[in-house]
Amino acid sequence: MTPSILVLSVLGLAIVGYFLGRRRALQAAARDGVKLHSLPGYYGQSVALFTAVPAFFLLGTWLFLQPIAIESSISGKIPDSAIADAGARSLVMVDVRRIAKGVSLLIEQGDVTENELSDMSADVTNVRAQLATVGVALGSDVSPVVFEAAKEYRSIELSGDFVRNIAVFLVALGFGFWAWARVQPRMRARNISETFVLALLMGSSMVAILTTVGIVGSLLFESVAFFKLYPAEDFFLSTTWNPQFRGGSDLGFLPLLWGTFYVSFVALALAVPVGLMIALYLAEYAGTTLRGFAKPAIEMLAGIPTIVYGLFALITVGPFLRDWIAQPLGLGTSSSSVMTAGLVMGVMLIPFISSLSDDIINAVPQAMRDGSYGLGATKSETIRRVLLPAALPGIVGAFLLAASRAIGETMIVVMGAGAAAQLGLNPFEAMTTVTVKIVSQLTGDTEFASPETLVAFALGLTLFVFTLCLNILALYIVRKYREQYE
């Protein structure tokens, strides 16, 4: 039984428990001649919750721990002599899991029976071709040791799934029966349901925090492994980025950081003033008809895929800047440049700034506008001295959102700015960013334990720290200069 079918089965038991709990409460109230403390539906909800929640908790925990336990058990049984590189044991376990999954698919489709599975070990060179028929592609022929490990992995996994299904059903039935048996008219069923809702809301509020902790933890763990292989001072202080997957790489971070901030600066230099002026015009000057047409039209820019912006930069903007500005002025001959990526990215960021700033400006109380006009201020003076200070926190938040989007953009930079990691001031030269190199270092057949691959995590962690510092600086500026109104 797959986890999805198991979830549906538990939900079915919870629905049955709901009606049984509701019926038991009504019958008990009629028999004893007393009034129910809560509505009948709350009694059913309490039984359904005690049926489903413990079972789902057990199922989630089991699904998380079972692969770890199986992999730990199987990995210890694979001898080092069966692995070309001891550091590639994790890669061997990836093949073990894929082979085990492929064998299960072959058996489900009827291509192989359980009895024939034991004979497959005699002809392991044919396993690769058989697995390819079910969509499992392997880079090389399967060795006997790896295939036997995959068979054992599948056997343990099937046994674990069987035990899991029984355990989840028993937990659902046991807690459901216990909750049904304790239903009585004076039971505070409503409090139980509301407590569950409160716990659900608290858990939801922790998702963002736990996600951030998980992201930082994963980046930090792999970054520590990278700095054990590559000197930290060379990474942070070197001005040369030249990865060589055969060894002897120069992995200086500064050219990538410069390219990231240079492209982002060009993008924000276009997006911030244009977006803010659009927001001010729509909020304070535009009529209802024009606003109803212009705002949705501008927000449509946010829905265009970034790959489309990248093609626009590659085919239209880049050649235009090269032929009409860069070459006549002797500034460059390439269509891929910082200016190309920055301008196109700035157009992409305009709706983020204009839409959010427009909403923030409209949220300023009308009484503040009327008071300013009553004192003789003009519309422009009211905007400059009343509306903008009042809306400053929201506007800065819009700028931060746009800056984060600019720093994390990849496709536009790949197609518009090129992939040259260099330090320079000429905006018509090709450069690259941190995000582009993270993608390039994690693609290909490079061993995951090499410095050339692990550097991607160091790049991600460093970029995360920089953006965090920018957010803290912006928060300080907002708290110092914003004006509060009662």
Protein backbone atom coordinates (compact mmCIF):
# COMPACT_ATOMS: atom_id res chain seq x y z
CA MET A 1 0.00 0.00 0.00
CA THR A 2 1.47 3.33 -1.07
CA PRO A 3 1.59 6.27 1.36
CA SER A 4 -1.08 8.14 -0.62
CA ILE A 5 -3.52 5.23 -0.35
CA LEU A 6 -2.66 4.90 3.33
CA VAL A 7 -3.42 8.58 3.87
CA LEU A 8 -6.80 8.22 2.15
CA SER A 9 -7.56 5.16 4.28
CA VAL A 10 -6.79 7.03 7.51
CA LEU A 11 -8.93 9.95 6.33
CA GLY A 12 -11.74 7.48 5.70
CA LEU A 13 -11.40 6.15 9.25
CA ALA A 14 -11.41 9.72 10.57
CA ILE A 15 -14.65 10.48 8.68
CA VAL A 16 -16.26 7.35 10.09
CA GLY A 17 -15.02 8.35 13.54
CA TYR A 18 -16.61 11.78 13.12
CA PHE A 19 -20.08 10.37 12.55
CA LEU A 20 -19.70 7.73 15.25
CA GLY A 21 -18.55 10.30 17.81
CA ARG A 22 -21.37 12.67 16.91
CA ARG A 23 -23.92 9.88 17.18
CA ARG A 24 -22.56 8.64 20.50
CA ALA A 25 -22.76 12.14 21.99
CA LEU A 26 -26.39 12.56 20.92
CA GLN A 27 -27.36 9.14 22.18
CA ALA A 28 -25.63 9.71 25.53
CA ALA A 29 -27.36 13.07 25.97
CA ALA A 30 -30.77 11.56 25.19
CA ARG A 31 -30.17 8.60 27.48
CA ASP A 32 -29.00 10.65 30.47
CA GLY A 33 -31.36 13.54 29.86
CA VAL A 34 -28.59 16.16 30.04
CA LYS A 35 -27.51 18.94 27.72
CA LEU A 36 -24.35 18.62 25.65
CA HIS A 37 -21.51 20.91 26.62
CA SER A 38 -20.61 21.52 22.94
CA LEU A 39 -22.32 21.19 19.62
CA PRO A 40 -22.58 17.58 18.38
CA GLY A 41 -20.14 18.25 15.57
CA TYR A 42 -17.36 19.04 18.05
CA TYR A 43 -17.61 15.54 19.54
CA GLY A 44 -17.26 14.06 16.09
CA GLN A 45 -14.32 16.35 15.38
CA SER A 46 -12.53 15.22 18.54
CA VAL A 47 -12.84 11.56 17.52
CA ALA A 48 -11.70 12.35 13.96
CA LEU A 49 -8.72 14.33 15.22
CA PHE A 50 -7.56 11.59 17.59
CA THR A 51 -7.95 9.11 14.74
CA ALA A 52 -6.03 11.01 12.09
CA VAL A 53 -3.43 13.20 13.83
CA PRO A 54 -1.42 10.49 15.69
CA ALA A 55 -1.55 8.24 12.62
CA PHE A 56 -0.30 11.00 10.32
CA PHE A 57 2.43 11.92 12.79
CA LEU A 58 3.61 8.31 12.89
CA LEU A 59 3.42 8.06 9.10
CA GLY A 60 5.46 11.22 8.57
CA THR A 61 8.08 10.18 11.10
CA TRP A 62 8.31 6.71 9.57
CA LEU A 63 8.68 8.05 6.01
CA PHE A 64 11.49 10.33 7.20
CA LEU A 65 13.45 7.80 9.26
CA GLN A 66 13.00 4.59 7.25
CA PRO A 67 15.19 5.59 4.25
CA ILE A 68 17.91 6.82 6.60
CA ALA A 69 17.89 3.59 8.59
CA ILE A 70 17.88 1.37 5.49
CA GLU A 71 20.64 3.33 3.79
CA SER A 72 22.79 3.23 6.91
CA SER A 73 22.33 -0.53 7.16
CA ILE A 74 23.03 -1.24 3.47
CA SER A 75 25.93 1.21 3.17
CA GLY A 76 27.83 -0.52 5.95
CA LYS A 77 27.64 -3.83 4.12
CA ILE A 78 29.22 -2.56 0.87
CA PRO A 79 32.97 -3.20 1.04
CA ASP A 80 35.40 -0.45 0.14
CA SER A 81 36.89 -2.71 -2.52
CA ALA A 82 33.61 -2.47 -4.46
CA ILE A 83 33.90 1.31 -4.62
CA ALA A 84 36.46 2.97 -6.87
CA ASP A 85 36.67 5.99 -4.59
CA ALA A 86 35.83 5.69 -0.92
CA GLY A 87 34.51 9.25 -1.01
CA ALA A 88 31.92 8.18 -3.61
CA ARG A 89 30.02 5.84 -1.26
CA SER A 90 27.10 8.25 -1.22
CA LEU A 91 27.00 8.11 -5.04
CA VAL A 92 26.91 4.32 -4.90
CA MET A 93 23.94 4.48 -2.53
CA VAL A 94 22.16 6.71 -5.06
CA ASP A 95 22.55 3.91 -7.63
CA VAL A 96 21.37 1.37 -5.07
CA ARG A 97 18.16 3.31 -4.46
CA ARG A 98 17.53 3.83 -8.17
CA ILE A 99 18.12 0.17 -8.99
CA ALA A 100 15.79 -0.91 -6.17
CA LYS A 101 13.10 1.42 -7.49
CA GLY A 102 13.61 0.17 -11.04
CA VAL A 103 13.35 -3.47 -9.96
CA SER A 104 10.06 -2.70 -8.22
CA LEU A 105 8.74 -1.10 -11.42
CA LEU A 106 9.80 -4.14 -13.46
CA ILE A 107 7.93 -6.43 -11.08
CA GLU A 108 4.83 -4.20 -11.07
CA GLN A 109 4.71 -4.23 -14.88
CA GLY A 110 5.12 -7.99 -15.01
CA ASP A 111 8.45 -7.90 -16.86
CA VAL A 112 10.14 -9.72 -13.98
CA THR A 113 8.73 -11.99 -11.29
CA GLU A 114 9.94 -12.37 -7.75
CA ASN A 115 11.36 -15.80 -8.61
CA GLU A 116 13.22 -14.41 -11.63
CA LEU A 117 14.70 -11.59 -9.55
CA SER A 118 17.23 -13.91 -7.93
CA ASP A 119 18.44 -15.08 -11.35
CA MET A 120 19.10 -11.52 -12.51
CA SER A 121 22.26 -11.43 -10.42
CA ALA A 122 23.90 -13.90 -12.80
CA ASP A 123 23.68 -11.47 -15.69
CA VAL A 124 24.14 -8.03 -14.17
CA THR A 125 25.31 -6.51 -17.47
CA ASN A 126 21.76 -6.89 -18.75
CA VAL A 127 20.23 -5.15 -15.74
CA ARG A 128 21.10 -1.71 -17.08
CA ALA A 129 19.16 -2.33 -20.30
CA GLN A 130 16.17 -3.75 -18.43
CA LEU A 131 16.03 -0.81 -16.04
CA ALA A 132 16.16 1.61 -18.97
CA THR A 133 12.83 0.22 -20.19
CA VAL A 134 11.13 1.60 -17.05
CA GLY A 135 12.83 4.99 -17.17
CA VAL A 136 15.74 4.30 -14.77
CA ALA A 137 18.95 5.38 -16.51
CA LEU A 138 22.34 4.37 -15.12
CA GLY A 139 25.71 5.74 -16.16
CA SER A 140 27.44 2.35 -16.27
CA ASP A 141 26.81 -1.37 -15.97
CA VAL A 142 25.65 -2.64 -12.61
CA SER A 143 28.22 -4.46 -10.53
CA PRO A 144 27.16 -7.64 -8.68
CA VAL A 145 27.80 -6.07 -5.28
CA VAL A 146 25.66 -3.01 -6.03
CA PHE A 147 22.87 -5.14 -7.48
CA GLU A 148 22.78 -7.42 -4.45
CA ALA A 149 22.71 -4.33 -2.22
CA ALA A 150 19.78 -2.98 -4.25
CA LYS A 151 17.89 -6.27 -3.85
CA GLU A 152 18.46 -6.20 -0.11
CA TYR A 153 17.46 -2.53 -0.01
CA ARG A 154 14.18 -3.35 -1.74
CA SER A 155 13.52 -6.34 0.53
CA ILE A 156 14.02 -4.29 3.70
CA GLU A 157 11.95 -1.45 2.25
CA LEU A 158 9.03 -3.76 1.47
CA SER A 159 9.16 -5.22 4.97
CA GLY A 160 9.31 -1.76 6.48
CA ASP A 161 6.34 -0.58 4.38
CA PHE A 162 4.30 -3.57 5.54
CA VAL A 163 5.09 -2.93 9.19
CA ARG A 164 4.42 0.80 8.68
CA ASN A 165 0.97 0.19 7.23
CA ILE A 166 -0.02 -2.08 10.09
CA ALA A 167 1.37 0.31 12.71
CA VAL A 168 -0.42 3.34 11.22
CA PHE A 169 -3.72 1.46 11.04
CA LEU A 170 -3.38 0.21 14.61
CA VAL A 171 -2.59 3.71 15.88
CA ALA A 172 -5.54 5.19 13.98
CA LEU A 173 -7.95 2.52 15.23
CA GLY A 174 -6.59 2.55 18.78
CA PHE A 175 -6.69 6.30 19.33
CA GLY A 176 -9.98 6.56 17.45
CA PHE A 177 -11.63 3.93 19.64
CA TRP A 178 -10.20 5.53 22.78
CA ALA A 179 -11.55 8.95 21.74
CA TRP A 180 -14.94 7.43 20.87
CA ALA A 181 -15.16 5.58 24.18
CA ARG A 182 -14.56 8.72 26.24
CA VAL A 183 -17.31 10.74 24.52
CA GLN A 184 -19.85 11.92 27.06
CA PRO A 185 -22.23 14.89 27.29
CA ARG A 186 -20.10 16.85 29.76
CA MET A 187 -16.92 16.40 27.72
CA ARG A 188 -15.46 19.77 26.57
CA ALA A 189 -15.21 18.74 22.94
CA ARG A 190 -15.14 22.30 21.66
CA ASN A 191 -12.03 23.05 23.71
CA ILE A 192 -10.30 20.02 22.18
CA SER A 193 -11.04 21.21 18.64
CA GLU A 194 -9.96 24.76 19.39
CA THR A 195 -6.75 23.54 21.03
CA PHE A 196 -5.98 21.56 17.89
CA VAL A 197 -6.60 24.64 15.73
CA LEU A 198 -4.29 26.66 18.00
CA ALA A 199 -1.57 24.01 17.70
CA LEU A 200 -2.02 23.97 13.93
CA LEU A 201 -1.61 27.74 13.72
CA MET A 202 1.46 27.64 15.95
CA GLY A 203 2.96 24.90 13.81
CA SER A 204 2.27 26.90 10.66
CA SER A 205 3.97 29.93 12.16
CA MET A 206 7.06 27.81 12.80
CA VAL A 207 7.35 26.67 9.19
CA ALA A 208 9.17 29.82 8.04
CA ILE A 209 11.52 29.73 11.03
CA LEU A 210 12.33 26.04 10.64
CA THR A 211 12.78 26.46 6.89
CA THR A 212 15.29 29.24 7.46
CA VAL A 213 17.13 27.14 10.02
CA GLY A 214 17.20 24.21 7.61
CA ILE A 215 18.52 26.33 4.76
CA VAL A 216 21.26 27.85 6.89
CA GLY A 217 22.14 24.45 8.37
CA SER A 218 22.47 22.74 5.00
CA LEU A 219 24.54 25.58 3.56
CA LEU A 220 26.73 25.77 6.65
CA PHE A 221 27.38 22.02 6.78
CA GLU A 222 28.52 21.82 3.15
CA SER A 223 30.43 25.10 3.40
CA VAL A 224 32.47 23.74 6.29
CA ALA A 225 33.34 20.71 4.14
CA PHE A 226 34.42 23.07 1.35
CA PHE A 227 36.67 25.20 3.57
CA LYS A 228 38.37 22.03 4.80
CA LEU A 229 39.45 21.43 1.19
CA TYR A 230 40.04 25.00 0.05
CA PRO A 231 41.61 27.88 2.04
CA ALA A 232 39.07 30.45 3.22
CA GLU A 233 41.44 33.38 2.63
CA ASP A 234 41.85 32.41 -1.02
CA PHE A 235 38.10 32.16 -1.43
CA PHE A 236 37.28 35.54 0.12
CA LEU A 237 40.32 37.57 -1.00
CA SER A 238 41.30 36.19 -4.39
CA THR A 239 40.26 38.12 -7.49
CA THR A 240 40.51 35.12 -9.83
CA TRP A 241 37.70 32.71 -10.59
CA ASN A 242 39.00 29.81 -12.68
CA PRO A 243 37.55 26.42 -11.68
CA GLN A 244 39.38 23.39 -13.07
CA PHE A 245 37.63 20.11 -12.44
CA ARG A 246 40.95 18.28 -12.75
CA GLY A 247 42.30 20.17 -9.74
CA GLY A 248 44.31 23.33 -9.16
CA SER A 249 41.30 25.66 -9.27
CA ASP A 250 41.23 29.35 -8.39
CA LEU A 251 37.92 29.96 -6.63
CA GLY A 252 38.01 33.64 -5.75
CA PHE A 253 34.65 35.04 -4.63
CA LEU A 254 35.24 38.74 -5.32
CA PRO A 255 34.62 38.77 -9.11
CA LEU A 256 31.28 37.03 -8.63
CA LEU A 257 30.26 39.35 -5.80
CA TRP A 258 31.17 42.38 -7.89
CA GLY A 259 29.18 41.13 -10.86
CA THR A 260 26.16 40.40 -8.65
CA PHE A 261 26.09 43.86 -7.10
CA TYR A 262 26.91 45.61 -10.40
CA VAL A 263 24.04 43.99 -12.29
CA SER A 264 21.68 44.49 -9.35
CA PHE A 265 22.68 48.15 -9.06
CA VAL A 266 21.92 48.80 -12.73
CA ALA A 267 18.58 47.01 -12.39
CA LEU A 268 17.57 48.90 -9.25
CA ALA A 269 18.77 52.22 -10.72
CA LEU A 270 16.11 51.76 -13.39
CA ALA A 271 13.39 50.00 -11.40
CA VAL A 272 13.34 52.06 -8.19
CA PRO A 273 12.71 55.58 -9.58
CA VAL A 274 10.45 54.39 -12.40
CA GLY A 275 8.46 52.08 -10.14
CA LEU A 276 8.08 54.71 -7.42
CA MET A 277 6.98 57.39 -9.87
CA ILE A 278 4.45 55.00 -11.39
CA ALA A 279 3.09 54.30 -7.92
CA LEU A 280 2.82 58.00 -7.07
CA TYR A 281 1.07 58.77 -10.34
CA LEU A 282 -1.42 55.92 -10.02
CA ALA A 283 -2.14 56.72 -6.37
CA GLU A 284 -2.37 60.52 -6.49
CA TYR A 285 -2.84 61.72 -10.05
CA ALA A 286 -4.43 59.06 -12.27
CA GLY A 287 -8.17 58.87 -12.69
CA THR A 288 -10.23 55.80 -11.93
CA THR A 289 -10.46 54.70 -15.56
CA LEU A 290 -6.76 55.07 -16.29
CA ARG A 291 -5.80 53.43 -13.02
CA GLY A 292 -8.08 50.47 -13.69
CA PHE A 293 -6.30 49.89 -16.99
CA ALA A 294 -2.70 50.86 -16.18
CA LYS A 295 -2.17 48.95 -12.95
CA PRO A 296 -3.16 45.49 -14.29
CA ALA A 297 -1.15 46.17 -17.46
CA ILE A 298 1.97 46.95 -15.41
CA GLU A 299 1.45 43.96 -13.13
CA MET A 300 1.37 41.68 -16.16
CA LEU A 301 5.14 42.20 -16.40
CA ALA A 302 5.54 40.26 -13.15
CA GLY A 303 3.87 37.21 -14.70
CA ILE A 304 6.25 36.92 -17.65
CA PRO A 305 8.71 34.02 -17.17
CA THR A 306 12.30 35.08 -16.63
CA ILE A 307 13.45 32.95 -19.55
CA VAL A 308 11.36 35.19 -21.82
CA TYR A 309 13.12 38.24 -20.38
CA GLY A 310 16.42 36.44 -21.03
CA LEU A 311 15.54 35.86 -24.66
CA PHE A 312 14.50 39.50 -24.98
CA ALA A 313 17.87 40.56 -23.57
CA LEU A 314 19.77 38.18 -25.83
CA ILE A 315 17.99 38.92 -29.10
CA THR A 316 16.85 42.54 -28.82
CA VAL A 317 18.38 44.61 -26.02
CA GLY A 318 21.93 43.23 -26.24
CA PRO A 319 22.42 43.75 -29.99
CA PHE A 320 20.80 47.20 -29.76
CA LEU A 321 23.15 48.39 -27.00
CA ARG A 322 26.14 46.91 -28.83
CA ASP A 323 25.39 48.40 -32.25
CA TRP A 324 24.10 51.81 -31.17
CA ILE A 325 26.04 52.63 -27.98
CA ALA A 326 28.94 50.32 -27.13
CA GLN A 327 30.63 50.03 -30.53
CA PRO A 328 30.22 53.69 -31.60
CA LEU A 329 31.68 54.82 -28.28
CA GLY A 330 34.42 52.17 -28.29
CA LEU A 331 33.18 50.59 -25.05
CA GLY A 332 32.77 47.03 -26.21
CA THR A 333 31.83 44.62 -28.97
CA SER A 334 29.76 42.04 -27.09
CA SER A 335 25.98 41.93 -26.88
CA SER A 336 26.28 40.26 -23.46
CA SER A 337 26.99 42.90 -20.85
CA VAL A 338 26.10 44.20 -17.42
CA MET A 339 23.96 46.92 -18.99
CA THR A 340 21.95 44.42 -21.02
CA ALA A 341 21.10 42.22 -18.06
CA GLY A 342 20.60 45.18 -15.71
CA LEU A 343 18.15 47.03 -17.96
CA VAL A 344 16.04 43.96 -18.69
CA MET A 345 16.07 42.95 -15.05
CA GLY A 346 15.06 46.48 -14.09
CA VAL A 347 12.02 46.23 -16.36
CA MET A 348 11.13 42.96 -14.68
CA LEU A 349 11.38 44.55 -11.21
CA ILE A 350 9.21 47.59 -12.00
CA PRO A 351 5.86 45.92 -11.18
CA PHE A 352 7.17 44.67 -7.82
CA ILE A 353 8.05 48.17 -6.71
CA SER A 354 5.13 50.02 -8.32
CA SER A 355 2.41 47.65 -7.14
CA LEU A 356 3.61 47.37 -3.53
CA SER A 357 4.39 51.08 -3.25
CA ASP A 358 1.00 51.96 -4.70
CA ASP A 359 -0.78 49.80 -2.12
CA ILE A 360 1.27 51.33 0.71
CA ILE A 361 0.63 54.90 -0.42
CA ASN A 362 -3.11 54.26 -0.72
CA ALA A 363 -3.07 52.89 2.83
CA VAL A 364 -2.03 56.30 4.23
CA PRO A 365 -5.15 57.84 5.88
CA GLN A 366 -6.98 60.41 3.79
CA ALA A 367 -7.14 62.67 6.85
CA MET A 368 -3.39 63.27 6.55
CA ARG A 369 -3.81 64.45 2.97
CA ASP A 370 -6.71 66.70 3.92
CA GLY A 371 -4.76 68.19 6.81
CA SER A 372 -1.82 68.97 4.55
CA TYR A 373 -4.08 70.60 1.96
CA GLY A 374 -5.82 72.56 4.73
CA LEU A 375 -2.47 74.05 5.75
CA GLY A 376 -1.92 75.28 2.19
CA ALA A 377 0.45 72.61 0.91
CA THR A 378 0.40 71.68 -2.75
CA LYS A 379 -0.02 68.12 -3.99
CA SER A 380 3.70 67.69 -4.61
CA GLU A 381 4.54 69.06 -1.14
CA THR A 382 1.98 66.72 0.41
CA ILE A 383 3.54 63.76 -1.38
CA ARG A 384 7.07 64.73 -0.43
CA ARG A 385 6.50 65.74 3.21
CA VAL A 386 3.50 63.68 4.30
CA LEU A 387 2.81 60.62 2.17
CA LEU A 388 6.37 59.41 1.57
CA PRO A 389 7.47 59.66 5.23
CA ALA A 390 4.30 57.88 6.34
CA ALA A 391 4.70 55.13 3.74
CA LEU A 392 8.48 54.80 4.14
CA PRO A 393 8.51 51.35 5.84
CA GLY A 394 6.35 49.82 3.12
CA ILE A 395 8.29 51.47 0.30
CA VAL A 396 11.61 50.27 1.73
CA GLY A 397 10.07 46.80 1.96
CA ALA A 398 9.22 46.99 -1.74
CA PHE A 399 12.79 48.05 -2.52
CA LEU A 400 14.14 45.12 -0.48
CA LEU A 401 11.88 42.67 -2.29
CA ALA A 402 13.10 43.99 -5.62
CA ALA A 403 16.74 43.86 -4.48
CA SER A 404 16.36 40.27 -3.31
CA ARG A 405 14.80 39.33 -6.62
CA ALA A 406 17.62 41.05 -8.50
CA ILE A 407 20.37 39.37 -6.47
CA GLY A 408 18.78 35.94 -6.90
CA GLU A 409 18.01 36.20 -10.63
CA THR A 410 19.77 33.69 -12.86
CA MET A 411 18.27 33.26 -16.33
CA ILE A 412 18.42 36.91 -17.33
CA VAL A 413 22.05 37.12 -16.23
CA VAL A 414 23.00 33.92 -18.07
CA MET A 415 21.51 35.11 -21.35
CA GLY A 416 22.13 38.83 -20.97
CA ALA A 417 25.36 39.33 -19.04
CA GLY A 418 27.39 36.30 -20.06
CA ALA A 419 29.54 34.09 -17.84
CA ALA A 420 32.81 36.02 -17.54
CA ALA A 421 33.95 36.36 -13.93
CA GLN A 422 35.95 39.58 -13.88
CA LEU A 423 36.35 42.86 -12.06
CA GLY A 424 35.67 45.96 -14.12
CA LEU A 425 33.76 49.22 -14.33
CA ASN A 426 32.72 49.11 -17.97
CA PRO A 427 28.97 48.30 -17.98
CA PHE A 428 29.20 47.12 -21.58
CA GLU A 429 31.50 44.21 -20.71
CA ALA A 430 30.34 40.68 -19.98
CA MET A 431 30.24 39.66 -16.31
CA THR A 432 28.53 37.04 -14.21
CA THR A 433 26.91 36.65 -10.79
CA VAL A 434 26.99 34.32 -7.83
CA THR A 435 23.74 32.57 -8.71
CA VAL A 436 24.92 31.74 -12.23
CA LYS A 437 28.06 30.09 -10.92
CA ILE A 438 26.12 28.16 -8.29
CA VAL A 439 24.11 26.57 -11.08
CA SER A 440 27.13 25.91 -13.27
CA GLN A 441 29.13 24.30 -10.46
CA LEU A 442 26.31 21.95 -9.47
CA THR A 443 25.61 20.69 -12.99
CA GLY A 444 27.57 18.00 -14.76
CA ASP A 445 29.18 14.76 -13.66
CA THR A 446 31.61 16.25 -11.16
CA GLU A 447 32.06 14.38 -7.90
CA PHE A 448 29.98 15.95 -5.17
CA ALA A 449 32.83 15.88 -2.66
CA SER A 450 35.21 17.98 -4.78
CA PRO A 451 35.98 21.65 -3.97
CA GLU A 452 34.72 22.68 -7.41
CA THR A 453 31.25 21.41 -6.49
CA LEU A 454 31.16 22.27 -2.79
CA VAL A 455 32.08 25.87 -3.62
CA ALA A 456 28.46 26.36 -4.69
CA PHE A 457 27.35 26.02 -1.06
CA ALA A 458 30.01 28.46 0.11
CA LEU A 459 28.77 30.92 -2.53
CA GLY A 460 25.19 30.45 -1.39
CA LEU A 461 26.04 30.92 2.28
CA THR A 462 28.09 34.05 1.60
CA LEU A 463 25.33 35.54 -0.54
CA PHE A 464 22.82 34.73 2.21
CA VAL A 465 24.96 36.60 4.76
CA PHE A 466 25.24 39.64 2.48
CA THR A 467 21.49 39.83 1.88
CA LEU A 468 20.85 39.38 5.60
CA CYS A 469 23.15 42.31 6.36
CA LEU A 470 21.31 44.42 3.78
CA ASN A 471 17.98 43.59 5.40
CA ILE A 472 19.31 44.52 8.85
CA LEU A 473 20.64 47.82 7.50
CA ALA A 474 17.30 48.59 5.85
CA LEU A 475 15.45 47.74 9.07
CA TYR A 476 17.69 50.14 10.99
CA ILE A 477 17.06 52.92 8.46
CA VAL A 478 13.30 52.38 8.61
CA ARG A 479 13.18 52.45 12.40
CA LYS A 480 15.32 55.57 12.58
CA TYR A 481 13.62 57.71 9.96
CA ARG A 482 10.01 56.59 9.81
CA GLU A 483 7.30 58.83 11.20
CA GLN A 484 4.65 57.27 13.42
CA TYR A 485 1.10 58.54 13.54
CA GLU A 486 -1.64 57.78 16.01
